[in-house]
Amino acid sequence: MKTVQDISIKKAAFINASASYACVVLQIVFNGILARILSPEDYGVVTVITVFTTFFTVISNMGIGPAIIQNKELSEDDISNIFSFNFYAAIVVSLAFIAFSVPMSKFYGNSLYIPIGALLSISLFFHTMNIIPHSYLLKQKRFMAIGVRMIIVNLTSNAAAVVLALMGYKYYALVWQAIVNALVQFLWNYSTTRIKFKLKFSFSGLKKILSFSMFQMGYSIINYFSKNMDNLLIGKYMGDSALGYYDKAYKVTLYPQNNLTSVITPTLHPILSQHQNDREYIYKRYMEIVKILSLLGLFIGIYCYFASEEIIGILFGSQWCASVPCIAMLSLSIWAQMITGSAQAIFQSAGHTRNLFISGLFTMALTAAAITAGVLAGDIVKISLYLTIAFNINFFVTYYYLIKKTLGMSYLRFLKSFIPDLCIAAIVTAAGIGASFITADHLITTAFIKGVIMGIAYIAGLLIFKQYKHLISFIKK
């Protein structure tokens, strides 16, 4: 009989895909509803403080989650000790965030951040407590339980937000959405794993994962600043409204990465970590996935560029039209972000979080330079443009460290594998230029027409350059 330890990437990805795409549909529906009830200012207020809750979550994680998956020598007693330690860490982090909300409110000149911060500390506590149960489920490859939980949590938290928004709670609807999400996740995962809690615990389990977790934590902190510096600076110097428009566009361009890349990558580390000493095996398996992400990412990115107005109008309504030029710029980074988003799991699988940390330093420097230049220009569209340039440069830096420095494979051969993809991108772009001259009475109609024209060009490119074989092979597998 096949056990959870024998599950393949194929089956794991299928389970994760089913759950992820169900959540995609739910998220799009609920986001569309909330965007029509709440204002950009409501989103801007919560976005600013959520940036800081994310940072405190990174600190509380301490790289422990991935380390638990990677280390195959941890006993159940070790897991119990680490979980018990995390309970006290969760209390400390939550109290620290409540205290932090006071100077934060003064920095941004908004006293609302104090009561919102107190409420979000509840979310922070349960999110921190969930780190060990969730990682333990991944370690055991219990992807079915994780998939079902994803759907229930998504449905429950979003439904709560919509009800509260309709009742006039404004930005507090988004705050309670985060609280419900974290609470339900923890209760579900803890009831599934039943990890023992100890009032007095041993540090023996933590010592076993220290070397791995420290570099992982360092990377997580760097990655946090890279991904949230824009929200911090826009919220401070350009206001909640500008942040609301920018953040909405940025999150739309993250949909492909969050809902395509994340279908596969959460399964990579638990499974490929079993082959951490066979770098060639990891490279071959990973390249199959990279090729698929590349072929999908190039079409999605180009389509989003030419259909940016239709996407914003259909999903969120005309009140968000200021987000259109932002999403047009950021869509040009979708290809790079979709592929790069999967790299962390391979660094972890090979046991090289040190190289992950070093590549993260370059990413942060590039991102910081781009955001600073955009904020100085005082234009969210320029911020979007400069970030797009940074994300694409980051692709080359990250994969130099992954392919050459970590896996010991040819970096030039890796880059050459994308030549057919670039040729297909040129064909789709030409079709997009032609389709942009077509007009219709309804946004849905023009979005559909552009999709058909560019889709035909995409299929033609796949056939001409024989890249369709990768998609067919992947679907069969």
Protein backbone atom coordinates (compact mmCIF):
# COMPACT_ATOMS: atom_id res chain seq x y z
CA MET A 1 0.00 0.00 0.00
CA LYS A 2 1.26 3.47 -0.90
CA THR A 3 1.87 5.62 2.18
CA VAL A 4 1.99 9.37 2.52
CA GLN A 5 5.77 9.07 2.35
CA ASP A 6 5.56 7.61 -1.17
CA ILE A 7 3.46 10.38 -2.73
CA SER A 8 4.85 11.76 -6.00
CA ILE A 9 5.20 15.35 -7.17
CA LYS A 10 2.54 14.50 -9.76
CA LYS A 11 -0.09 13.49 -7.21
CA ALA A 12 0.93 16.18 -4.71
CA ALA A 13 0.73 18.89 -7.38
CA PHE A 14 -2.67 17.63 -8.54
CA ILE A 15 -4.08 17.80 -5.01
CA ASN A 16 -2.55 21.21 -4.42
CA ALA A 17 -3.78 22.43 -7.83
CA SER A 18 -7.35 21.40 -7.12
CA ALA A 19 -7.36 23.25 -3.81
CA SER A 20 -5.45 26.26 -5.13
CA TYR A 21 -7.69 26.83 -8.12
CA ALA A 22 -10.79 26.48 -6.00
CA CYS A 23 -9.30 29.19 -3.80
CA VAL A 24 -8.48 31.30 -6.86
CA VAL A 25 -12.12 31.31 -7.88
CA LEU A 26 -13.25 32.13 -4.34
CA GLN A 27 -10.64 34.86 -3.99
CA ILE A 28 -11.55 36.54 -7.28
CA VAL A 29 -15.25 36.49 -6.41
CA PHE A 30 -14.79 37.82 -2.87
CA ASN A 31 -12.19 40.41 -3.93
CA GLY A 32 -14.58 41.67 -6.58
CA ILE A 33 -17.36 42.00 -3.98
CA LEU A 34 -15.15 43.70 -1.37
CA ALA A 35 -13.61 46.08 -3.92
CA ARG A 36 -17.09 47.36 -4.72
CA ILE A 37 -18.04 47.82 -1.04
CA LEU A 38 -14.79 49.19 0.39
CA SER A 39 -12.81 52.20 -0.83
CA PRO A 40 -9.13 52.43 -1.87
CA GLU A 41 -8.52 54.30 1.40
CA ASP A 42 -9.89 51.34 3.40
CA TYR A 43 -7.47 49.01 1.64
CA GLY A 44 -4.62 51.47 2.07
CA VAL A 45 -5.09 51.73 5.85
CA VAL A 46 -4.97 47.94 6.34
CA THR A 47 -2.18 47.42 3.78
CA VAL A 48 0.21 49.60 5.75
CA ILE A 49 -0.24 47.76 9.05
CA THR A 50 -0.39 44.33 7.38
CA VAL A 51 3.13 44.98 6.10
CA PHE A 52 4.32 45.08 9.70
CA THR A 53 2.35 42.02 10.81
CA THR A 54 4.09 40.15 7.99
CA PHE A 55 7.47 41.26 9.31
CA PHE A 56 6.66 40.10 12.83
CA THR A 57 5.50 36.79 11.36
CA VAL A 58 8.85 36.41 9.61
CA ILE A 59 10.66 37.09 12.87
CA SER A 60 8.51 34.58 14.78
CA ASN A 61 9.09 31.89 12.14
CA MET A 62 12.89 32.07 12.59
CA GLY A 63 13.29 29.75 9.60
CA ILE A 64 11.93 26.88 11.69
CA GLY A 65 9.21 25.77 9.26
CA PRO A 66 11.44 24.85 6.28
CA ALA A 67 14.06 23.45 8.67
CA ILE A 68 11.54 20.96 10.08
CA ILE A 69 10.76 19.76 6.54
CA GLN A 70 14.45 19.49 5.57
CA ASN A 71 15.75 17.66 8.65
CA LYS A 72 14.90 13.95 8.46
CA GLU A 73 16.31 13.13 11.90
CA LEU A 74 13.80 15.03 14.03
CA SER A 75 11.77 12.83 16.36
CA GLU A 76 8.19 13.46 17.50
CA ASP A 77 9.61 14.59 20.82
CA ASP A 78 11.80 17.14 19.00
CA ILE A 79 8.75 18.44 17.13
CA SER A 80 6.86 18.71 20.43
CA ASN A 81 9.68 20.70 22.03
CA ILE A 82 9.90 23.07 19.06
CA PHE A 83 6.12 23.56 19.10
CA SER A 84 6.19 24.35 22.81
CA PHE A 85 8.97 26.87 22.29
CA ASN A 86 6.92 28.46 19.51
CA PHE A 87 3.98 29.00 21.90
CA TYR A 88 6.05 31.29 24.09
CA ALA A 89 7.53 32.97 21.01
CA ALA A 90 3.99 33.66 19.76
CA ILE A 91 3.05 35.40 23.01
CA VAL A 92 6.18 37.56 22.98
CA VAL A 93 5.77 38.51 19.31
CA SER A 94 2.08 39.41 19.75
CA LEU A 95 2.73 41.62 22.78
CA ALA A 96 5.65 43.25 20.98
CA PHE A 97 3.40 44.07 18.03
CA ILE A 98 0.81 45.72 20.28
CA ALA A 99 3.55 47.90 21.73
CA PHE A 100 4.96 48.60 18.25
CA SER A 101 1.61 49.87 16.96
CA VAL A 102 1.96 53.03 19.09
CA PRO A 103 5.15 54.42 17.47
CA MET A 104 3.89 53.18 14.10
CA SER A 105 0.72 55.26 14.46
CA LYS A 106 2.83 58.32 15.28
CA PHE A 107 5.15 57.70 12.31
CA TYR A 108 2.24 57.55 9.87
CA GLY A 109 0.16 60.15 11.72
CA ASN A 110 -2.85 57.85 12.03
CA SER A 111 -4.19 56.85 15.46
CA LEU A 112 -6.31 54.09 13.87
CA TYR A 113 -3.23 51.88 13.75
CA ILE A 114 -3.30 51.39 17.54
CA PRO A 115 -6.68 49.56 17.82
CA ILE A 116 -6.08 47.82 14.49
CA GLY A 117 -2.66 46.71 15.73
CA ALA A 118 -4.18 45.29 18.92
CA LEU A 119 -6.66 43.23 16.89
CA LEU A 120 -4.08 42.01 14.38
CA SER A 121 -1.88 40.80 17.24
CA ILE A 122 -4.49 38.04 17.64
CA SER A 123 -3.98 37.05 14.02
CA LEU A 124 -0.21 37.17 14.55
CA PHE A 125 -0.42 34.86 17.57
CA PHE A 126 -2.36 32.14 15.76
CA HIS A 127 -0.31 32.48 12.59
CA THR A 128 2.86 31.94 14.63
CA MET A 129 1.32 28.96 16.42
CA ASN A 130 0.39 27.45 13.07
CA ILE A 131 3.98 27.34 11.76
CA ILE A 132 4.87 24.00 13.35
CA PRO A 133 1.61 22.09 12.64
CA HIS A 134 1.61 23.28 9.01
CA SER A 135 5.27 22.34 8.47
CA TYR A 136 4.68 18.97 10.13
CA LEU A 137 1.83 18.25 7.70
CA LEU A 138 4.11 19.14 4.79
CA LYS A 139 6.88 16.96 6.21
CA GLN A 140 4.42 14.06 6.33
CA LYS A 141 3.24 14.93 2.77
CA ARG A 142 -0.39 15.16 3.89
CA PHE A 143 -1.32 17.37 0.98
CA MET A 144 -4.97 16.32 0.94
CA ALA A 145 -5.54 17.66 4.46
CA ILE A 146 -3.74 20.88 3.55
CA GLY A 147 -5.80 21.27 0.36
CA VAL A 148 -9.16 20.85 2.09
CA ARG A 149 -8.08 23.28 4.80
CA MET A 150 -7.10 25.90 2.18
CA ILE A 151 -10.62 25.91 0.75
CA ILE A 152 -12.41 26.01 4.12
CA VAL A 153 -10.18 28.79 5.46
CA ASN A 154 -10.52 30.85 2.29
CA LEU A 155 -14.29 30.52 2.24
CA THR A 156 -14.74 31.23 5.95
CA SER A 157 -12.47 34.26 6.23
CA ASN A 158 -13.67 35.93 3.02
CA ALA A 159 -17.33 35.37 3.88
CA ALA A 160 -16.75 36.98 7.28
CA ALA A 161 -15.10 39.99 5.59
CA VAL A 162 -18.01 40.49 3.17
CA VAL A 163 -20.62 40.30 5.95
CA LEU A 164 -18.73 42.83 8.08
CA ALA A 165 -18.16 45.13 5.07
CA LEU A 166 -21.90 45.11 4.31
CA MET A 167 -22.56 45.98 7.95
CA GLY A 168 -20.42 49.11 7.53
CA TYR A 169 -17.29 48.04 9.41
CA LYS A 170 -15.07 49.37 6.56
CA TYR A 171 -11.38 48.50 7.06
CA TYR A 172 -12.19 46.44 10.16
CA ALA A 173 -13.77 43.90 7.81
CA LEU A 174 -10.29 43.25 6.36
CA VAL A 175 -8.78 43.09 9.86
CA TRP A 176 -11.24 40.41 10.98
CA GLN A 177 -10.67 38.56 7.72
CA ALA A 178 -7.02 38.12 8.75
CA ILE A 179 -7.98 37.05 12.28
CA VAL A 180 -10.49 34.43 11.12
CA ASN A 181 -8.02 33.14 8.54
CA ALA A 182 -5.23 32.59 11.08
CA LEU A 183 -7.56 31.15 13.76
CA VAL A 184 -9.23 28.59 11.49
CA GLN A 185 -5.89 27.55 9.98
CA PHE A 186 -4.38 26.87 13.39
CA LEU A 187 -7.38 25.03 14.83
CA TRP A 188 -7.63 22.85 11.73
CA ASN A 189 -3.91 21.99 11.58
CA TYR A 190 -3.53 21.43 15.31
CA SER A 191 -6.56 19.14 15.47
CA THR A 192 -5.05 17.18 12.56
CA THR A 193 -1.50 16.82 13.91
CA ARG A 194 -2.19 16.71 17.68
CA ILE A 195 1.37 17.81 18.50
CA LYS A 196 2.01 17.56 22.23
CA PHE A 197 2.54 20.77 24.19
CA LYS A 198 4.99 20.98 27.11
CA LEU A 199 5.12 23.74 29.69
CA LYS A 200 8.79 22.90 30.16
CA PHE A 201 10.58 22.08 26.93
CA SER A 202 14.06 21.14 25.73
CA PHE A 203 16.14 23.07 23.19
CA SER A 204 17.56 19.84 21.74
CA GLY A 205 15.25 19.90 18.71
CA LEU A 206 16.06 23.56 17.96
CA LYS A 207 19.79 22.83 18.06
CA LYS A 208 19.39 20.19 15.33
CA ILE A 209 17.96 22.71 12.86
CA LEU A 210 19.89 25.83 13.90
CA SER A 211 22.40 26.04 11.02
CA PHE A 212 19.68 25.63 8.38
CA SER A 213 17.11 27.87 10.04
CA MET A 214 19.42 30.85 10.68
CA PHE A 215 20.20 31.44 6.99
CA GLN A 216 16.56 30.73 6.15
CA MET A 217 15.48 33.36 8.66
CA GLY A 218 18.01 35.81 7.27
CA TYR A 219 16.65 35.31 3.78
CA SER A 220 13.05 35.62 4.97
CA ILE A 221 13.79 38.99 6.59
CA ILE A 222 15.55 40.23 3.45
CA ASN A 223 12.74 38.93 1.27
CA TYR A 224 10.23 40.68 3.49
CA PHE A 225 11.86 44.07 2.99
CA SER A 226 12.21 43.43 -0.73
CA LYS A 227 8.49 42.72 -1.11
CA ASN A 228 7.12 45.29 1.34
CA MET A 229 9.36 48.32 1.08
CA ASP A 230 7.10 49.71 -1.64
CA ASN A 231 4.03 49.61 0.63
CA LEU A 232 5.94 51.16 3.53
CA LEU A 233 7.26 54.11 1.53
CA ILE A 234 4.16 54.73 -0.59
CA GLY A 235 1.97 54.70 2.52
CA LYS A 236 4.30 57.18 4.25
CA TYR A 237 5.04 59.64 1.44
CA MET A 238 2.19 59.27 -1.06
CA GLY A 239 -0.87 58.51 1.10
CA ASP A 240 -3.39 55.71 1.65
CA SER A 241 -5.25 56.31 -1.61
CA ALA A 242 -2.14 55.99 -3.80
CA LEU A 243 -1.15 52.89 -1.86
CA GLY A 244 -4.60 51.38 -2.35
CA TYR A 245 -4.42 51.82 -6.14
CA TYR A 246 -0.86 50.53 -6.36
CA ASP A 247 -1.41 47.58 -4.04
CA LYS A 248 -4.47 46.43 -5.95
CA ALA A 249 -2.50 46.38 -9.21
CA TYR A 250 0.48 44.65 -7.62
CA LYS A 251 -1.65 41.92 -6.08
CA VAL A 252 -3.34 41.23 -9.42
CA THR A 253 0.05 40.64 -11.06
CA LEU A 254 0.90 38.26 -8.21
CA TYR A 255 -2.13 36.07 -8.99
CA PRO A 256 -0.20 33.92 -11.51
CA GLN A 257 2.72 33.42 -9.14
CA ASN A 258 0.51 32.75 -6.14
CA ASN A 259 -1.92 30.50 -7.98
CA LEU A 260 0.24 28.75 -10.59
CA THR A 261 3.74 28.64 -9.13
CA SER A 262 2.37 27.87 -5.67
CA VAL A 263 0.47 24.88 -7.04
CA ILE A 264 3.75 23.05 -7.54
CA THR A 265 6.42 24.65 -5.37
CA PRO A 266 4.93 23.77 -1.94
CA THR A 267 5.34 20.12 -2.90
CA LEU A 268 8.93 20.47 -4.16
CA HIS A 269 10.75 20.95 -0.87
CA PRO A 270 9.13 18.05 1.05
CA ILE A 271 9.71 15.66 -1.89
CA LEU A 272 13.02 16.79 -3.44
CA SER A 273 14.68 17.20 -0.03
CA GLN A 274 14.88 13.40 -0.01
CA HIS A 275 17.41 13.74 -2.88
CA GLN A 276 19.43 16.60 -1.39
CA ASN A 277 22.73 14.87 -2.22
CA ASP A 278 21.80 14.18 -5.86
CA ARG A 279 22.05 17.63 -7.47
CA GLU A 280 21.65 16.36 -11.02
CA TYR A 281 18.34 14.68 -10.15
CA ILE A 282 17.05 17.86 -8.52
CA TYR A 283 18.12 19.92 -11.56
CA LYS A 284 16.42 17.64 -14.09
CA ARG A 285 13.16 17.47 -12.19
CA TYR A 286 13.19 21.20 -11.54
CA MET A 287 13.87 22.14 -15.17
CA GLU A 288 10.69 20.34 -16.22
CA ILE A 289 8.77 22.69 -13.93
CA VAL A 290 10.73 25.81 -14.91
CA LYS A 291 9.91 25.24 -18.56
CA ILE A 292 6.18 25.03 -17.85
CA LEU A 293 6.24 28.14 -15.66
CA SER A 294 8.11 30.00 -18.42
CA LEU A 295 5.69 29.03 -21.19
CA LEU A 296 2.66 29.93 -19.09
CA GLY A 297 4.20 33.06 -17.62
CA LEU A 298 5.12 34.65 -20.92
CA PHE A 299 1.56 34.45 -22.25
CA ILE A 300 -0.08 35.60 -19.00
CA GLY A 301 2.31 38.55 -18.65
CA ILE A 302 1.85 39.79 -22.22
CA TYR A 303 -1.92 39.35 -22.09
CA CYS A 304 -2.15 41.29 -18.81
CA TYR A 305 -0.17 44.13 -20.38
CA PHE A 306 -2.51 44.53 -23.35
CA ALA A 307 -5.70 43.82 -21.35
CA SER A 308 -4.84 45.76 -18.18
CA GLU A 309 -7.82 48.10 -18.51
CA GLU A 310 -10.24 45.23 -19.01
CA ILE A 311 -8.82 43.24 -16.08
CA ILE A 312 -9.16 46.10 -13.58
CA GLY A 313 -12.59 47.13 -14.87
CA ILE A 314 -14.03 43.61 -14.81
CA LEU A 315 -12.57 42.56 -11.47
CA PHE A 316 -12.89 45.73 -9.40
CA GLY A 317 -14.94 48.36 -11.24
CA SER A 318 -14.31 51.81 -12.68
CA GLN A 319 -13.36 53.36 -9.32
CA TRP A 320 -10.00 51.53 -9.59
CA CYS A 321 -9.04 52.90 -13.03
CA ALA A 322 -5.92 54.58 -11.56
CA SER A 323 -4.52 51.05 -11.08
CA VAL A 324 -4.52 50.35 -14.84
CA PRO A 325 -1.10 51.85 -15.78
CA CYS A 326 0.44 50.17 -12.73
CA ILE A 327 -0.78 46.73 -13.69
CA ALA A 328 0.38 47.34 -17.28
CA MET A 329 3.94 47.99 -16.07
CA LEU A 330 4.02 45.24 -13.46
CA SER A 331 2.63 42.65 -15.89
CA LEU A 332 5.99 42.77 -17.68
CA SER A 333 7.54 41.20 -14.58
CA ILE A 334 5.08 38.28 -14.34
CA TRP A 335 7.28 35.92 -16.38
CA ALA A 336 10.34 36.53 -14.19
CA GLN A 337 8.40 36.44 -10.94
CA MET A 338 6.58 33.21 -11.79
CA ILE A 339 9.85 31.38 -12.42
CA THR A 340 11.89 33.00 -9.65
CA GLY A 341 9.13 32.31 -7.14
CA SER A 342 9.92 28.60 -7.36
CA ALA A 343 13.67 28.96 -6.70
CA GLN A 344 13.52 29.10 -2.90
CA ALA A 345 12.23 25.53 -2.68
CA ILE A 346 15.25 24.27 -4.67
CA PHE A 347 17.78 26.13 -2.52
CA GLN A 348 16.08 24.51 0.47
CA SER A 349 15.93 21.04 -1.11
CA ALA A 350 19.67 21.17 -1.78
CA GLY A 351 20.28 22.28 1.81
CA HIS A 352 21.92 25.56 0.69
CA THR A 353 20.06 28.30 2.52
CA ARG A 354 23.35 30.22 2.66
CA ASN A 355 23.29 30.77 -1.11
CA LEU A 356 19.59 31.60 -0.83
CA PHE A 357 20.51 34.28 1.70
CA ILE A 358 23.26 35.75 -0.50
CA SER A 359 21.01 35.94 -3.57
CA GLY A 360 18.39 37.58 -1.36
CA LEU A 361 20.84 40.37 -0.49
CA PHE A 362 21.19 41.27 -4.17
CA THR A 363 17.41 41.15 -4.60
CA MET A 364 16.87 43.55 -1.70
CA ALA A 365 19.47 46.00 -3.03
CA LEU A 366 17.89 46.04 -6.50
CA THR A 367 14.37 46.39 -5.13
CA ALA A 368 15.33 49.14 -2.69
CA ALA A 369 16.97 51.16 -5.46
CA ALA A 370 13.91 50.81 -7.72
CA ILE A 371 11.38 51.77 -5.04
CA THR A 372 13.42 54.71 -3.78
CA ALA A 373 13.75 56.11 -7.30
CA GLY A 374 10.00 55.74 -7.85
CA VAL A 375 9.03 57.36 -4.55
CA LEU A 376 11.38 60.28 -5.20
CA ALA A 377 9.62 60.72 -8.54
CA GLY A 378 6.29 60.74 -6.65
CA ASP A 379 4.56 58.51 -9.18
CA ILE A 380 3.15 55.00 -8.55
CA VAL A 381 3.43 54.22 -12.28
CA LYS A 382 7.18 54.92 -12.21
CA ILE A 383 7.50 52.79 -9.09
CA SER A 384 5.81 49.98 -11.03
CA LEU A 385 8.17 50.45 -13.99
CA TYR A 386 11.35 50.53 -11.92
CA LEU A 387 10.25 47.49 -9.93
CA THR A 388 9.60 45.59 -13.15
CA ILE A 389 13.16 46.29 -14.26
CA ALA A 390 14.48 45.14 -10.87
CA PHE A 391 12.42 41.92 -10.90
CA ASN A 392 13.76 40.97 -14.32
CA ILE A 393 17.38 41.64 -13.31
CA ASN A 394 16.77 39.63 -10.15
CA PHE A 395 15.89 36.60 -12.31
CA PHE A 396 19.45 36.46 -13.65
CA VAL A 397 21.08 36.98 -10.25
CA THR A 398 18.95 34.39 -8.45
CA TYR A 399 19.49 31.70 -11.03
CA TYR A 400 23.22 32.28 -11.20
CA TYR A 401 23.38 31.38 -7.53
CA LEU A 402 20.94 28.50 -7.88
CA ILE A 403 22.12 26.84 -11.10
CA LYS A 404 25.85 27.59 -10.97
CA LYS A 405 26.70 28.00 -7.30
CA THR A 406 24.21 25.61 -5.67
CA LEU A 407 23.47 22.83 -8.16
CA GLY A 408 26.80 23.06 -10.03
CA MET A 409 25.19 23.04 -13.50
CA SER A 410 25.87 25.14 -16.59
CA TYR A 411 24.37 28.61 -16.24
CA LEU A 412 24.72 29.32 -19.97
CA ARG A 413 22.86 26.12 -20.89
CA PHE A 414 20.13 27.14 -18.48
CA LEU A 415 19.71 30.54 -20.16
CA LYS A 416 19.78 29.04 -23.68
CA SER A 417 16.76 26.90 -22.79
CA PHE A 418 14.62 30.08 -22.85
CA ILE A 419 15.44 31.12 -26.44
CA PRO A 420 12.34 29.42 -27.94
CA ASP A 421 10.21 31.02 -25.23
CA LEU A 422 11.45 34.49 -26.19
CA CYS A 423 10.58 33.84 -29.83
CA ILE A 424 7.04 32.81 -28.84
CA ALA A 425 6.79 35.94 -26.68
CA ALA A 426 7.63 38.08 -29.73
CA ILE A 427 4.82 36.45 -31.73
CA VAL A 428 2.28 36.94 -28.92
CA THR A 429 3.38 40.56 -28.47
CA ALA A 430 2.83 41.27 -32.18
CA ALA A 431 -0.66 39.78 -31.89
CA GLY A 432 -1.33 41.90 -28.80
CA ILE A 433 -0.37 45.08 -30.66
CA GLY A 434 -2.80 44.19 -33.43
CA ALA A 435 -5.58 43.25 -30.98
CA SER A 436 -5.23 46.58 -29.13
CA PHE A 437 -6.79 48.38 -32.10
CA ILE A 438 -10.03 46.42 -31.68
CA THR A 439 -12.80 48.16 -29.73
CA ALA A 440 -16.13 46.92 -28.36
CA ASP A 441 -18.96 48.20 -26.18
CA HIS A 442 -18.15 45.99 -23.20
CA LEU A 443 -14.89 45.27 -21.39
CA ILE A 444 -15.65 41.55 -21.22
CA THR A 445 -15.99 41.48 -25.02
CA THR A 446 -12.67 43.22 -25.67
CA ALA A 447 -10.93 41.06 -23.06
CA PHE A 448 -12.27 37.95 -24.78
CA ILE A 449 -11.29 39.13 -28.27
CA LYS A 450 -7.76 39.99 -27.17
CA GLY A 451 -7.50 36.63 -25.43
CA VAL A 452 -8.59 34.73 -28.55
CA ILE A 453 -6.25 36.60 -30.92
CA MET A 454 -3.24 36.34 -28.61
CA GLY A 455 -4.15 32.75 -27.73
CA ILE A 456 -4.08 31.74 -31.40
CA ALA A 457 -0.69 33.42 -31.81
CA TYR A 458 0.55 31.64 -28.67
CA ILE A 459 -0.54 28.22 -29.94
CA ALA A 460 1.08 28.97 -33.31
CA GLY A 461 4.32 29.84 -31.53
CA LEU A 462 4.22 26.63 -29.50
CA LEU A 463 3.81 24.63 -32.71
CA ILE A 464 6.46 26.52 -34.70
CA PHE A 465 9.11 26.17 -32.02
CA LYS A 466 7.91 22.73 -30.88
CA GLN A 467 7.45 23.82 -27.26
CA TYR A 468 4.01 22.26 -27.08
CA LYS A 469 5.78 18.99 -26.27
CA HIS A 470 6.69 20.33 -22.83
CA LEU A 471 3.07 21.17 -22.03
CA ILE A 472 1.77 17.83 -23.31
CA SER A 473 4.43 15.93 -21.39
CA PHE A 474 3.66 17.87 -18.22
CA ILE A 475 -0.10 17.28 -18.53
CA LYS A 476 0.47 13.54 -19.07
CA LYS A 477 2.72 13.41 -16.01
